């Protein structure tokens, strides 16, 4: 794939339209055909906002998912929801996310649903933009599952999920998907205290079947549940081991961290393309076109234009749609302005 200088992209998720959230709470009043129509309309809305903004790469906005990864548990057998571990009241934070018990062998005989999502996107999207699918990696996907006698810790759960995710990635490529992001924010959140070489080994085994067969990226951030991070927010613990990730592009949160450690992106750019999060999804300040231009010019000091993509820090599902829409519009305008002046 020929690189577009300062390519504009997104991580994956996009806010639900208000009517979709309302309808999702009243599914008992809808028939199967109503639900499919509702899903298609939501994807059309997400496509519209992204293409109107002028993005080079778009997704389906993950309009059929609960959070960016929790809905995948619905496709995996051997899981039972368990709400006893969560805090119910007080300030919203990551400890209010639901956990799940493992009650049998972890298998997904019918896949994880990402191929159906991509096929719908391919049917509804206009010609022009690249179509991307995002799938959570096995380590991140293991995070809400409780160990048991069979799967004694998070790593054993991860190993059980790894072939399931790997098969989904291969099925996406077989369905014609040329752009895939494997979301592994848990790896970046816990790089400060876990074995980063082990993380790299897990990731590379997961993507082994699609390496070289698509434009493969990974998204690394420090958490964004209800606009709150969760991990130790530093790139430094990821180096040098994360340079061995078998990806074409690495996506790293920057805007919310006020571009701290931006000089470290030069090291990544020597090995792979770099997608920089230049739009803060946790902030309702709408970045101006001039803001975007200034941030891109800062990135260009460390990353060549042909290796640079720009995007929001994370998925936009936790940001109001009106703000998400305008942030994307200004991001693209700023990128085009810099691109024209190269």
C-alpha atoms as a PDB file:
ATOM      1  CA  UNK A   1       0.000   0.000   0.000  1.00  0.00           C
ATOM      2  CA  UNK A   2       1.382   3.388  -1.034  1.00  0.00           C
ATOM      3  CA  UNK A   3       1.658   5.671   1.970  1.00  0.00           C
ATOM      4  CA  UNK A   4      -0.379   8.891   1.961  1.00  0.00           C
ATOM      5  CA  UNK A   5       1.595  11.621   3.728  1.00  0.00           C
ATOM      6  CA  UNK A   6      -0.124  12.603   6.972  1.00  0.00           C
ATOM      7  CA  UNK A   7      -2.909  10.081   6.537  1.00  0.00           C
ATOM      8  CA  UNK A   8      -6.086  10.758   8.551  1.00  0.00           C
ATOM      9  CA  UNK A   9      -7.553   7.802  10.393  1.00  0.00           C
ATOM     10  CA  UNK A  10      -9.512   6.727  13.476  1.00  0.00           C
ATOM     11  CA  UNK A  11      -9.035   3.989  16.057  1.00  0.00           C
ATOM     12  CA  UNK A  12     -12.426   2.306  15.699  1.00  0.00           C
ATOM     13  CA  UNK A  13     -15.348   3.358  17.874  1.00  0.00           C
ATOM     14  CA  UNK A  14     -17.686   6.293  17.291  1.00  0.00           C
ATOM     15  CA  UNK A  15     -20.486   7.589  19.559  1.00  0.00           C
ATOM     16  CA  UNK A  16     -23.890   5.947  19.268  1.00  0.00           C
ATOM     17  CA  UNK A  17     -26.678   8.204  17.988  1.00  0.00           C
ATOM     18  CA  UNK A  18     -29.038   9.065  20.851  1.00  0.00           C
ATOM     19  CA  UNK A  19     -31.864   7.084  19.281  1.00  0.00           C
ATOM     20  CA  UNK A  20     -29.685   3.959  19.155  1.00  0.00           C
ATOM     21  CA  UNK A  21     -28.995   4.150  22.883  1.00  0.00           C
ATOM     22  CA  UNK A  22     -32.726   4.579  23.540  1.00  0.00           C
ATOM     23  CA  UNK A  23     -33.665   1.708  21.230  1.00  0.00           C
ATOM     24  CA  UNK A  24     -31.019  -0.542  22.794  1.00  0.00           C
ATOM     25  CA  UNK A  25     -32.804  -0.157  26.123  1.00  0.00           C
ATOM     26  CA  UNK A  26     -36.093  -1.211  24.513  1.00  0.00           C
ATOM     27  CA  UNK A  27     -35.106  -4.163  22.365  1.00  0.00           C
ATOM     28  CA  UNK A  28     -38.112  -6.145  23.619  1.00  0.00           C
ATOM     29  CA  UNK A  29     -40.316  -3.814  21.557  1.00  0.00           C
ATOM     30  CA  UNK A  30     -38.397  -4.487  18.314  1.00  0.00           C
ATOM     31  CA  UNK A  31     -38.459  -7.372  15.875  1.00  0.00           C
ATOM     32  CA  UNK A  32     -35.399  -8.926  14.229  1.00  0.00           C
ATOM     33  CA  UNK A  33     -35.901  -6.882  11.053  1.00  0.00           C
ATOM     34  CA  UNK A  34     -36.286  -3.691  13.113  1.00  0.00           C
ATOM     35  CA  UNK A  35     -33.007  -4.361  14.887  1.00  0.00           C
ATOM     36  CA  UNK A  36     -31.094  -5.025  11.657  1.00  0.00           C
ATOM     37  CA  UNK A  37     -32.510  -1.844  10.124  1.00  0.00           C
ATOM     38  CA  UNK A  38     -31.523   0.073  13.255  1.00  0.00           C
ATOM     39  CA  UNK A  39     -27.965  -1.266  13.108  1.00  0.00           C
ATOM     40  CA  UNK A  40     -27.591  -0.385   9.430  1.00  0.00           C
ATOM     41  CA  UNK A  41     -28.918   3.127  10.061  1.00  0.00           C
ATOM     42  CA  UNK A  42     -26.429   3.611  12.903  1.00  0.00           C
ATOM     43  CA  UNK A  43     -23.529   2.447  10.729  1.00  0.00           C
ATOM     44  CA  UNK A  44     -24.709   4.749   7.921  1.00  0.00           C
ATOM     45  CA  UNK A  45     -24.682   7.648  10.406  1.00  0.00           C
ATOM     46  CA  UNK A  46     -21.142   6.809  11.529  1.00  0.00           C
ATOM     47  CA  UNK A  47     -19.979   6.479   7.918  1.00  0.00           C
ATOM     48  CA  UNK A  48     -21.633   9.799   7.059  1.00  0.00           C
ATOM     49  CA  UNK A  49     -19.851  11.698   9.833  1.00  0.00           C
ATOM     50  CA  UNK A  50     -16.474  10.201   8.929  1.00  0.00           C
ATOM     51  CA  UNK A  51     -16.749  10.648   5.163  1.00  0.00           C
ATOM     52  CA  UNK A  52     -18.166  14.174   5.518  1.00  0.00           C
ATOM     53  CA  UNK A  53     -15.106  15.017   7.614  1.00  0.00           C
ATOM     54  CA  UNK A  54     -12.966  13.638   4.756  1.00  0.00           C
ATOM     55  CA  UNK A  55     -11.086  10.879   6.569  1.00  0.00           C
ATOM     56  CA  UNK A  56      -8.734   8.686   4.529  1.00  0.00           C
ATOM     57  CA  UNK A  57      -9.603   5.651   6.689  1.00  0.00           C
ATOM     58  CA  UNK A  58     -13.012   4.911   8.222  1.00  0.00           C
ATOM     59  CA  UNK A  59     -14.645   2.197  10.339  1.00  0.00           C
ATOM     60  CA  UNK A  60     -18.234   1.166  11.065  1.00  0.00           C
ATOM     61  CA  UNK A  61     -17.963   3.097  14.325  1.00  0.00           C
ATOM     62  CA  UNK A  62     -18.334  -0.199  16.217  1.00  0.00           C
ATOM     63  CA  UNK A  63     -22.057   0.546  16.354  1.00  0.00           C
ATOM     64  CA  UNK A  64     -22.960  -3.043  17.251  1.00  0.00           C
ATOM     65  CA  UNK A  65     -20.559  -3.303  20.186  1.00  0.00           C
ATOM     66  CA  UNK A  66     -20.863  -2.714  23.914  1.00  0.00           C
ATOM     67  CA  UNK A  67     -17.687  -0.869  24.815  1.00  0.00           C
ATOM     68  CA  UNK A  68     -14.854  -1.691  22.393  1.00  0.00           C
ATOM     69  CA  UNK A  69     -14.409  -5.244  23.682  1.00  0.00           C
ATOM     70  CA  UNK A  70     -17.056  -6.393  26.200  1.00  0.00           C
ATOM     71  CA  UNK A  71     -19.596  -7.432  23.560  1.00  0.00           C
ATOM     72  CA  UNK A  72     -17.106  -9.989  22.216  1.00  0.00           C
ATOM     73  CA  UNK A  73     -17.803 -12.088  25.301  1.00  0.00           C
ATOM     74  CA  UNK A  74     -21.247 -12.763  23.852  1.00  0.00           C
ATOM     75  CA  UNK A  75     -19.579 -14.775  21.077  1.00  0.00           C
ATOM     76  CA  UNK A  76     -17.384 -16.828  23.422  1.00  0.00           C
ATOM     77  CA  UNK A  77     -18.766 -19.931  25.105  1.00  0.00           C
ATOM     78  CA  UNK A  78     -17.768 -20.721  28.684  1.00  0.00           C
ATOM     79  CA  UNK A  79     -18.433 -17.226  30.092  1.00  0.00           C
ATOM     80  CA  UNK A  80     -21.051 -16.076  32.606  1.00  0.00           C
ATOM     81  CA  UNK A  81     -21.534 -12.453  33.649  1.00  0.00           C
ATOM     82  CA  UNK A  82     -20.630 -11.634  37.236  1.00  0.00           C
ATOM     83  CA  UNK A  83     -21.442  -8.211  38.681  1.00  0.00           C
ATOM     84  CA  UNK A  84     -20.365  -8.940  42.256  1.00  0.00           C
ATOM     85  CA  UNK A  85     -16.851  -7.550  41.762  1.00  0.00           C
ATOM     86  CA  UNK A  86     -17.933  -4.093  40.613  1.00  0.00           C
ATOM     87  CA  UNK A  87     -18.505  -0.894  42.573  1.00  0.00           C
ATOM     88  CA  UNK A  88     -21.998   0.420  41.927  1.00  0.00           C
ATOM     89  CA  UNK A  89     -21.901   3.955  43.337  1.00  0.00           C
ATOM     90  CA  UNK A  90     -19.572   6.925  43.461  1.00  0.00           C
ATOM     91  CA  UNK A  91     -17.411   8.524  40.772  1.00  0.00           C
ATOM     92  CA  UNK A  92     -17.453   6.597  37.471  1.00  0.00           C
ATOM     93  CA  UNK A  93     -14.225   4.674  36.903  1.00  0.00           C
ATOM     94  CA  UNK A  94     -12.776   1.413  35.590  1.00  0.00           C
ATOM     95  CA  UNK A  95     -13.703  -0.580  38.699  1.00  0.00           C
ATOM     96  CA  UNK A  96     -17.357  -0.188  37.691  1.00  0.00           C
ATOM     97  CA  UNK A  97     -16.889  -2.242  34.528  1.00  0.00           C
ATOM     98  CA  UNK A  98     -18.465  -5.675  34.709  1.00  0.00           C
ATOM     99  CA  UNK A  99     -16.450  -8.844  35.241  1.00  0.00           C
ATOM    100  CA  UNK A 100     -17.216 -12.351  34.010  1.00  0.00           C
ATOM    101  CA  UNK A 101     -16.754 -15.846  35.429  1.00  0.00           C
ATOM    102  CA  UNK A 102     -15.297 -18.627  33.308  1.00  0.00           C
ATOM    103  CA  UNK A 103     -17.593 -21.639  33.619  1.00  0.00           C
ATOM    104  CA  UNK A 104     -16.310 -23.841  30.779  1.00  0.00           C
ATOM    105  CA  UNK A 105     -13.834 -24.121  27.940  1.00  0.00           C
ATOM    106  CA  UNK A 106     -13.315 -20.813  26.139  1.00  0.00           C
ATOM    107  CA  UNK A 107     -14.311 -21.387  22.507  1.00  0.00           C
ATOM    108  CA  UNK A 108     -15.940 -19.304  19.770  1.00  0.00           C
ATOM    109  CA  UNK A 109     -17.125 -21.746  17.095  1.00  0.00           C
ATOM    110  CA  UNK A 110     -18.861 -19.003  15.119  1.00  0.00           C
ATOM    111  CA  UNK A 111     -16.139 -16.380  15.402  1.00  0.00           C
ATOM    112  CA  UNK A 112     -16.317 -13.008  17.127  1.00  0.00           C
ATOM    113  CA  UNK A 113     -18.658 -11.152  14.784  1.00  0.00           C
ATOM    114  CA  UNK A 114     -16.046  -8.822  13.279  1.00  0.00           C
ATOM    115  CA  UNK A 115     -16.425 -10.308   9.795  1.00  0.00           C
ATOM    116  CA  UNK A 116     -20.157  -9.554   9.775  1.00  0.00           C
ATOM    117  CA  UNK A 117     -19.402  -6.001  10.915  1.00  0.00           C
ATOM    118  CA  UNK A 118     -16.849  -5.540   8.136  1.00  0.00           C
ATOM    119  CA  UNK A 119     -19.155  -7.018   5.496  1.00  0.00           C
ATOM    120  CA  UNK A 120     -21.861  -4.539   6.551  1.00  0.00           C
ATOM    121  CA  UNK A 121     -19.363  -1.665   6.364  1.00  0.00           C
ATOM    122  CA  UNK A 122     -18.229  -2.774   2.901  1.00  0.00           C
ATOM    123  CA  UNK A 123     -21.855  -2.865   1.717  1.00  0.00           C
ATOM    124  CA  UNK A 124     -22.776   0.572   3.074  1.00  0.00           C
ATOM    125  CA  UNK A 125     -19.589   2.627   2.591  1.00  0.00           C
ATOM    126  CA  UNK A 126     -19.079   4.802  -0.505  1.00  0.00           C
ATOM    127  CA  UNK A 127     -16.027   4.347  -2.767  1.00  0.00           C
ATOM    128  CA  UNK A 128     -12.915   6.194  -1.707  1.00  0.00           C
ATOM    129  CA  UNK A 129     -11.876   5.766   1.923  1.00  0.00           C
ATOM    130  CA  UNK A 130      -9.993   2.720   3.174  1.00  0.00           C
ATOM    131  CA  UNK A 131     -12.215   0.493   5.332  1.00  0.00           C
ATOM    132  CA  UNK A 132     -10.733  -0.592   8.649  1.00  0.00           C
ATOM    133  CA  UNK A 133     -11.725  -3.242  11.194  1.00  0.00           C
ATOM    134  CA  UNK A 134     -10.599  -3.125  14.826  1.00  0.00           C
ATOM    135  CA  UNK A 135     -10.384  -6.217  17.024  1.00  0.00           C
ATOM    136  CA  UNK A 136      -9.245  -6.377  20.672  1.00  0.00           C
ATOM    137  CA  UNK A 137      -6.118  -8.435  21.238  1.00  0.00           C
ATOM    138  CA  UNK A 138      -6.224 -11.460  23.534  1.00  0.00           C
ATOM    139  CA  UNK A 139      -4.439  -9.845  26.483  1.00  0.00           C
ATOM    140  CA  UNK A 140      -6.844  -6.899  26.566  1.00  0.00           C
ATOM    141  CA  UNK A 141      -9.792  -9.223  25.939  1.00  0.00           C
ATOM    142  CA  UNK A 142      -8.784 -11.326  28.954  1.00  0.00           C
ATOM    143  CA  UNK A 143      -9.003  -8.366  31.321  1.00  0.00           C
ATOM    144  CA  UNK A 144     -12.631  -8.778  32.411  1.00  0.00           C
ATOM    145  CA  UNK A 145     -12.496 -12.569  32.863  1.00  0.00           C
ATOM    146  CA  UNK A 146     -11.913 -14.076  36.308  1.00  0.00           C
ATOM    147  CA  UNK A 147      -9.339 -16.899  36.621  1.00  0.00           C
ATOM    148  CA  UNK A 148     -10.516 -20.340  37.771  1.00  0.00           C
ATOM    149  CA  UNK A 149      -9.082 -23.825  38.264  1.00  0.00           C
ATOM    150  CA  UNK A 150      -8.608 -24.410  34.533  1.00  0.00           C
ATOM    151  CA  UNK A 151      -7.333 -20.928  33.654  1.00  0.00           C
ATOM    152  CA  UNK A 152      -5.321 -19.980  36.712  1.00  0.00           C
ATOM    153  CA  UNK A 153      -4.209 -16.457  35.783  1.00  0.00           C
ATOM    154  CA  UNK A 154      -4.602 -13.759  33.170  1.00  0.00           C
ATOM    155  CA  UNK A 155      -1.863 -15.187  30.977  1.00  0.00           C
ATOM    156  CA  UNK A 156      -3.520 -18.597  30.809  1.00  0.00           C
ATOM    157  CA  UNK A 157      -6.786 -16.907  29.855  1.00  0.00           C
ATOM    158  CA  UNK A 158      -4.905 -14.917  27.221  1.00  0.00           C
ATOM    159  CA  UNK A 159      -3.440 -18.093  25.735  1.00  0.00           C
ATOM    160  CA  UNK A 160      -6.937 -19.589  25.464  1.00  0.00           C
ATOM    161  CA  UNK A 161      -8.215 -16.478  23.672  1.00  0.00           C
ATOM    162  CA  UNK A 162      -5.192 -16.087  21.389  1.00  0.00           C
ATOM    163  CA  UNK A 163      -6.211 -18.654  18.721  1.00  0.00           C
ATOM    164  CA  UNK A 164      -9.784 -17.296  18.751  1.00  0.00           C
ATOM    165  CA  UNK A 165      -8.570 -13.772  17.956  1.00  0.00           C
ATOM    166  CA  UNK A 166      -6.012 -15.077  15.450  1.00  0.00           C
ATOM    167  CA  UNK A 167      -8.733 -16.920  13.510  1.00  0.00           C
ATOM    168  CA  UNK A 168     -10.892 -13.780  13.482  1.00  0.00           C
ATOM    169  CA  UNK A 169      -8.047 -11.749  11.990  1.00  0.00           C
ATOM    170  CA  UNK A 170      -7.482 -14.376   9.301  1.00  0.00           C
ATOM    171  CA  UNK A 171     -11.213 -14.437   8.528  1.00  0.00           C
ATOM    172  CA  UNK A 172     -11.226 -10.648   8.139  1.00  0.00           C
ATOM    173  CA  UNK A 173      -8.413 -10.809   5.600  1.00  0.00           C
ATOM    174  CA  UNK A 174     -10.234 -13.592   3.758  1.00  0.00           C
ATOM    175  CA  UNK A 175     -13.319 -11.328   3.645  1.00  0.00           C
ATOM    176  CA  UNK A 176     -11.289  -8.635   1.883  1.00  0.00           C
ATOM    177  CA  UNK A 177     -10.287  -6.433   4.803  1.00  0.00           C
ATOM    178  CA  UNK A 178      -7.029  -4.643   3.975  1.00  0.00           C
ATOM    179  CA  UNK A 179      -6.693  -2.559   7.158  1.00  0.00           C
ATOM    180  CA  UNK A 180      -6.855  -4.067  10.655  1.00  0.00           C
ATOM    181  CA  UNK A 181      -6.101  -2.617  14.066  1.00  0.00           C
ATOM    182  CA  UNK A 182      -5.468  -4.989  16.950  1.00  0.00           C
ATOM    183  CA  UNK A 183      -6.358  -3.046  20.104  1.00  0.00           C
ATOM    184  CA  UNK A 184      -4.033  -3.845  22.998  1.00  0.00           C
ATOM    185  CA  UNK A 185      -4.339  -0.923  25.436  1.00  0.00           C
ATOM    186  CA  UNK A 186      -3.850  -3.269  28.395  1.00  0.00           C
ATOM    187  CA  UNK A 187      -0.312  -3.920  27.185  1.00  0.00           C
ATOM    188  CA  UNK A 188       0.558  -0.211  27.182  1.00  0.00           C
ATOM    189  CA  UNK A 189      -1.242   0.363  30.492  1.00  0.00           C
ATOM    190  CA  UNK A 190       0.737  -2.369  32.262  1.00  0.00           C
ATOM    191  CA  UNK A 191       4.071  -2.180  30.443  1.00  0.00           C
ATOM    192  CA  UNK A 192       5.529  -0.543  33.572  1.00  0.00           C
ATOM    193  CA  UNK A 193       5.020  -3.663  35.700  1.00  0.00           C
ATOM    194  CA  UNK A 194       4.674  -6.666  33.354  1.00  0.00           C
ATOM    195  CA  UNK A 195       7.124  -8.537  31.120  1.00  0.00           C
ATOM    196  CA  UNK A 196       7.135  -6.496  27.898  1.00  0.00           C
ATOM    197  CA  UNK A 197       8.976  -9.233  25.989  1.00  0.00           C
ATOM    198  CA  UNK A 198       6.138 -11.582  26.894  1.00  0.00           C
ATOM    199  CA  UNK A 199       3.633  -9.015  25.623  1.00  0.00           C
ATOM    200  CA  UNK A 200       5.448  -8.826  22.284  1.00  0.00           C
ATOM    201  CA  UNK A 201       5.530 -12.610  21.968  1.00  0.00           C
ATOM    202  CA  UNK A 202       1.766 -12.820  22.654  1.00  0.00           C
ATOM    203  CA  UNK A 203       1.021 -10.108  20.119  1.00  0.00           C
ATOM    204  CA  UNK A 204       3.239 -11.496  17.370  1.00  0.00           C
ATOM    205  CA  UNK A 205       1.786 -14.994  17.706  1.00  0.00           C
ATOM    206  CA  UNK A 206      -1.718 -13.492  17.502  1.00  0.00           C
ATOM    207  CA  UNK A 207      -1.048 -11.697  14.206  1.00  0.00           C
ATOM    208  CA  UNK A 208       1.236 -14.307  12.660  1.00  0.00           C
ATOM    209  CA  UNK A 209      -1.413 -15.483  10.186  1.00  0.00           C
ATOM    210  CA  UNK A 210      -2.096 -11.993   8.782  1.00  0.00           C
ATOM    211  CA  UNK A 211       1.352 -10.414   8.912  1.00  0.00           C
ATOM    212  CA  UNK A 212       2.158  -9.111   5.445  1.00  0.00           C
ATOM    213  CA  UNK A 213      -1.403  -9.717   4.215  1.00  0.00           C
ATOM    214  CA  UNK A 214      -2.956  -6.398   5.300  1.00  0.00           C
ATOM    215  CA  UNK A 215      -1.985  -3.007   6.676  1.00  0.00           C
ATOM    216  CA  UNK A 216      -1.727  -4.124  10.282  1.00  0.00           C
ATOM    217  CA  UNK A 217      -1.619  -1.736  13.211  1.00  0.00           C
ATOM    218  CA  UNK A 218      -1.967  -1.785  16.956  1.00  0.00           C
ATOM    219  CA  UNK A 219      -3.538   0.812  19.201  1.00  0.00           C
ATOM    220  CA  UNK A 220      -1.791   1.568  22.488  1.00  0.00           C
ATOM    221  CA  UNK A 221      -3.305   3.966  25.003  1.00  0.00           C
ATOM    222  CA  UNK A 222      -3.735   4.336  28.746  1.00  0.00           C
ATOM    223  CA  UNK A 223      -7.452   3.705  29.050  1.00  0.00           C
ATOM    224  CA  UNK A 224     -10.603   5.692  28.321  1.00  0.00           C
ATOM    225  CA  UNK A 225     -13.584   4.421  30.272  1.00  0.00           C
ATOM    226  CA  UNK A 226     -15.998   7.299  30.894  1.00  0.00           C
ATOM    227  CA  UNK A 227     -13.207   9.674  29.938  1.00  0.00           C
ATOM    228  CA  UNK A 228     -10.734   8.317  32.495  1.00  0.00           C
ATOM    229  CA  UNK A 229      -7.340   6.676  31.999  1.00  0.00           C
ATOM    230  CA  UNK A 230      -6.315   3.658  34.040  1.00  0.00           C
ATOM    231  CA  UNK A 231      -2.663   2.890  33.359  1.00  0.00           C
ATOM    232  CA  UNK A 232       0.729   4.415  34.108  1.00  0.00           C
ATOM    233  CA  UNK A 233       0.869   6.966  31.309  1.00  0.00           C
ATOM    234  CA  UNK A 234       4.367   6.688  29.946  1.00  0.00           C
ATOM    235  CA  UNK A 235       5.799   5.347  26.691  1.00  0.00           C
ATOM    236  CA  UNK A 236       9.235   4.731  28.172  1.00  0.00           C
ATOM    237  CA  UNK A 237       8.470   1.307  29.732  1.00  0.00           C
ATOM    238  CA  UNK A 238       7.404   0.024  26.291  1.00  0.00           C
ATOM    239  CA  UNK A 239      10.881   0.553  24.881  1.00  0.00           C
ATOM    240  CA  UNK A 240      12.846  -1.078  23.440  1.00  0.00           C
ATOM    241  CA  UNK A 241      10.725  -4.278  23.379  1.00  0.00           C
ATOM    242  CA  UNK A 242       7.630  -2.858  21.648  1.00  0.00           C
ATOM    243  CA  UNK A 243       9.804  -2.015  18.658  1.00  0.00           C
ATOM    244  CA  UNK A 244       9.659  -5.753  17.890  1.00  0.00           C
ATOM    245  CA  UNK A 245       5.872  -5.778  17.411  1.00  0.00           C
ATOM    246  CA  UNK A 246       5.102  -7.169  13.952  1.00  0.00           C
ATOM    247  CA  UNK A 247       2.973  -4.268  12.716  1.00  0.00           C
ATOM    248  CA  UNK A 248       3.019  -1.809   9.856  1.00  0.00           C
ATOM    249  CA  UNK A 249       1.804   0.999  12.111  1.00  0.00           C
ATOM    250  CA  UNK A 250       1.637   1.771  15.798  1.00  0.00           C
ATOM    251  CA  UNK A 251      -0.952   4.169  17.202  1.00  0.00           C
ATOM    252  CA  UNK A 252      -0.054   6.063  20.381  1.00  0.00           C
ATOM    253  CA  UNK A 253      -2.076   8.462  22.550  1.00  0.00           C
ATOM    254  CA  UNK A 254      -0.434  11.913  22.660  1.00  0.00           C
ATOM    255  CA  UNK A 255      -2.939  14.782  22.873  1.00  0.00           C
ATOM    256  CA  UNK A 256      -4.295  13.944  26.323  1.00  0.00           C
ATOM    257  CA  UNK A 257      -0.732  13.714  27.603  1.00  0.00           C
ATOM    258  CA  UNK A 258       0.153  17.148  26.200  1.00  0.00           C
ATOM    259  CA  UNK A 259       2.599  15.441  23.798  1.00  0.00           C
ATOM    260  CA  UNK A 260       4.848  14.252  26.612  1.00  0.00           C
ATOM    261  CA  UNK A 261       7.687  11.990  25.381  1.00  0.00           C
ATOM    262  CA  UNK A 262       6.985  12.876  21.754  1.00  0.00           C
ATOM    263  CA  UNK A 263      10.704  12.523  21.044  1.00  0.00           C
ATOM    264  CA  UNK A 264      10.372   8.780  21.695  1.00  0.00           C
ATOM    265  CA  UNK A 265       8.164   8.462  18.619  1.00  0.00           C
ATOM    266  CA  UNK A 266      11.266   8.905  16.484  1.00  0.00           C
ATOM    267  CA  UNK A 267      12.457   5.486  17.666  1.00  0.00           C
ATOM    268  CA  UNK A 268       9.172   3.884  16.592  1.00  0.00           C
ATOM    269  CA  UNK A 269       9.261   5.705  13.239  1.00  0.00           C
ATOM    270  CA  UNK A 270      12.600   4.085  12.452  1.00  0.00           C
ATOM    271  CA  UNK A 271      10.886   0.661  12.527  1.00  0.00           C
ATOM    272  CA  UNK A 272       7.259   1.299  11.454  1.00  0.00           C
ATOM    273  CA  UNK A 273       4.677   3.914  10.543  1.00  0.00           C
ATOM    274  CA  UNK A 274       3.296   5.924  13.447  1.00  0.00           C
ATOM    275  CA  UNK A 275      -0.291   7.107  13.972  1.00  0.00           C
ATOM    276  CA  UNK A 276      -0.256   9.893  16.530  1.00  0.00           C
ATOM    277  CA  UNK A 277      -3.273  10.736  18.650  1.00  0.00           C
ATOM    278  CA  UNK A 278      -3.465  14.498  18.143  1.00  0.00           C
ATOM    279  CA  UNK A 279      -7.135  14.901  19.134  1.00  0.00           C
ATOM    280  CA  UNK A 280      -8.090  14.632  22.820  1.00  0.00           C
ATOM    281  CA  UNK A 281     -11.170  12.424  23.167  1.00  0.00           C
ATOM    282  CA  UNK A 282     -11.415  13.117  26.921  1.00  0.00           C
ATOM    283  CA  UNK A 283     -11.675  16.890  26.480  1.00  0.00           C
ATOM    284  CA  UNK A 284     -14.605  18.932  25.158  1.00  0.00           C
ATOM    285  CA  UNK A 285     -12.319  21.654  23.914  1.00  0.00           C
ATOM    286  CA  UNK A 286     -12.686  21.483  20.126  1.00  0.00           C
ATOM    287  CA  UNK A 287      -9.232  21.639  18.600  1.00  0.00           C
ATOM    288  CA  UNK A 288      -9.035  24.356  15.961  1.00  0.00           C
ATOM    289  CA  UNK A 289      -7.512  23.845  12.524  1.00  0.00           C
ATOM    290  CA  UNK A 290      -4.535  25.915  13.676  1.00  0.00           C
ATOM    291  CA  UNK A 291      -4.165  23.667  16.732  1.00  0.00           C
ATOM    292  CA  UNK A 292      -4.076  20.630  14.453  1.00  0.00           C
ATOM    293  CA  UNK A 293      -1.507  22.237  12.138  1.00  0.00           C
ATOM    294  CA  UNK A 294       0.741  23.091  15.089  1.00  0.00           C
ATOM    295  CA  UNK A 295       0.483  19.564  16.502  1.00  0.00           C
ATOM    296  CA  UNK A 296       1.234  17.913  13.165  1.00  0.00           C
ATOM    297  CA  UNK A 297       4.244  20.165  12.625  1.00  0.00           C
ATOM    298  CA  UNK A 298       5.467  19.095  16.054  1.00  0.00           C
ATOM    299  CA  UNK A 299       5.098  15.440  15.034  1.00  0.00           C
ATOM    300  CA  UNK A 300       6.981  16.025  11.779  1.00  0.00           C
ATOM    301  CA  UNK A 301      10.116  16.844  13.763  1.00  0.00           C
ATOM    302  CA  UNK A 302      10.262  13.158  14.720  1.00  0.00           C
ATOM    303  CA  UNK A 303       8.249  11.287  12.064  1.00  0.00           C
ATOM    304  CA  UNK A 304       8.586  11.661   8.260  1.00  0.00           C
ATOM    305  CA  UNK A 305       5.343  12.793   6.597  1.00  0.00           C
ATOM    306  CA  UNK A 306       5.062   9.598   4.553  1.00  0.00           C
ATOM    307  CA  UNK A 307       5.198   7.523   7.763  1.00  0.00           C
ATOM    308  CA  UNK A 308       2.829   9.722   9.778  1.00  0.00           C
ATOM    309  CA  UNK A 309      -0.899   9.222  10.328  1.00  0.00           C
ATOM    310  CA  UNK A 310      -3.007  11.394  12.611  1.00  0.00           C
ATOM    311  CA  UNK A 311      -6.042  10.321  14.608  1.00  0.00           C
ATOM    312  CA  UNK A 312      -7.903  10.902  17.856  1.00  0.00           C
ATOM    313  CA  UNK A 313      -6.142   9.527  20.953  1.00  0.00           C
ATOM    314  CA  UNK A 314      -8.623   6.657  21.314  1.00  0.00           C
ATOM    315  CA  UNK A 315     -11.960   5.564  19.971  1.00  0.00           C
ATOM    316  CA  UNK A 316     -14.611   8.274  20.135  1.00  0.00           C
ATOM    317  CA  UNK A 317     -17.361   6.231  21.788  1.00  0.00           C
ATOM    318  CA  UNK A 318     -16.978   8.079  25.103  1.00  0.00           C
ATOM    319  CA  UNK A 319     -17.245  11.530  23.456  1.00  0.00           C
ATOM    320  CA  UNK A 320     -20.519  13.238  22.492  1.00  0.00           C
ATOM    321  CA  UNK A 321     -21.306  12.973  18.802  1.00  0.00           C
ATOM    322  CA  UNK A 322     -21.483  16.728  18.202  1.00  0.00           C
ATOM    323  CA  UNK A 323     -17.971  17.135  19.602  1.00  0.00           C
ATOM    324  CA  UNK A 324     -16.606  14.057  17.828  1.00  0.00           C
ATOM    325  CA  UNK A 325     -17.935  15.291  14.490  1.00  0.00           C
ATOM    326  CA  UNK A 326     -16.317  18.721  14.747  1.00  0.00           C
ATOM    327  CA  UNK A 327     -13.044  17.349  16.097  1.00  0.00           C
ATOM    328  CA  UNK A 328     -12.748  15.064  13.057  1.00  0.00           C
ATOM    329  CA  UNK A 329     -13.634  17.873  10.636  1.00  0.00           C
ATOM    330  CA  UNK A 330     -10.916  20.123  12.057  1.00  0.00           C
ATOM    331  CA  UNK A 331      -8.392  17.278  12.218  1.00  0.00           C
ATOM    332  CA  UNK A 332      -8.799  16.565   8.519  1.00  0.00           C
ATOM    333  CA  UNK A 333      -8.710  20.255   7.557  1.00  0.00           C
ATOM    334  CA  UNK A 334      -5.492  20.720   9.495  1.00  0.00           C
ATOM    335  CA  UNK A 335      -3.901  17.616   7.983  1.00  0.00           C
ATOM    336  CA  UNK A 336      -4.827  18.690   4.448  1.00  0.00           C
ATOM    337  CA  UNK A 337      -3.401  22.151   5.097  1.00  0.00           C
ATOM    338  CA  UNK A 338      -0.048  20.738   6.217  1.00  0.00           C
ATOM    339  CA  UNK A 339      -0.064  18.168   3.412  1.00  0.00           C
ATOM    340  CA  UNK A 340      -0.540  20.885   0.793  1.00  0.00           C
ATOM    341  CA  UNK A 341       2.415  22.830   2.167  1.00  0.00           C
ATOM    342  CA  UNK A 342       4.885  19.945   2.209  1.00  0.00           C
END
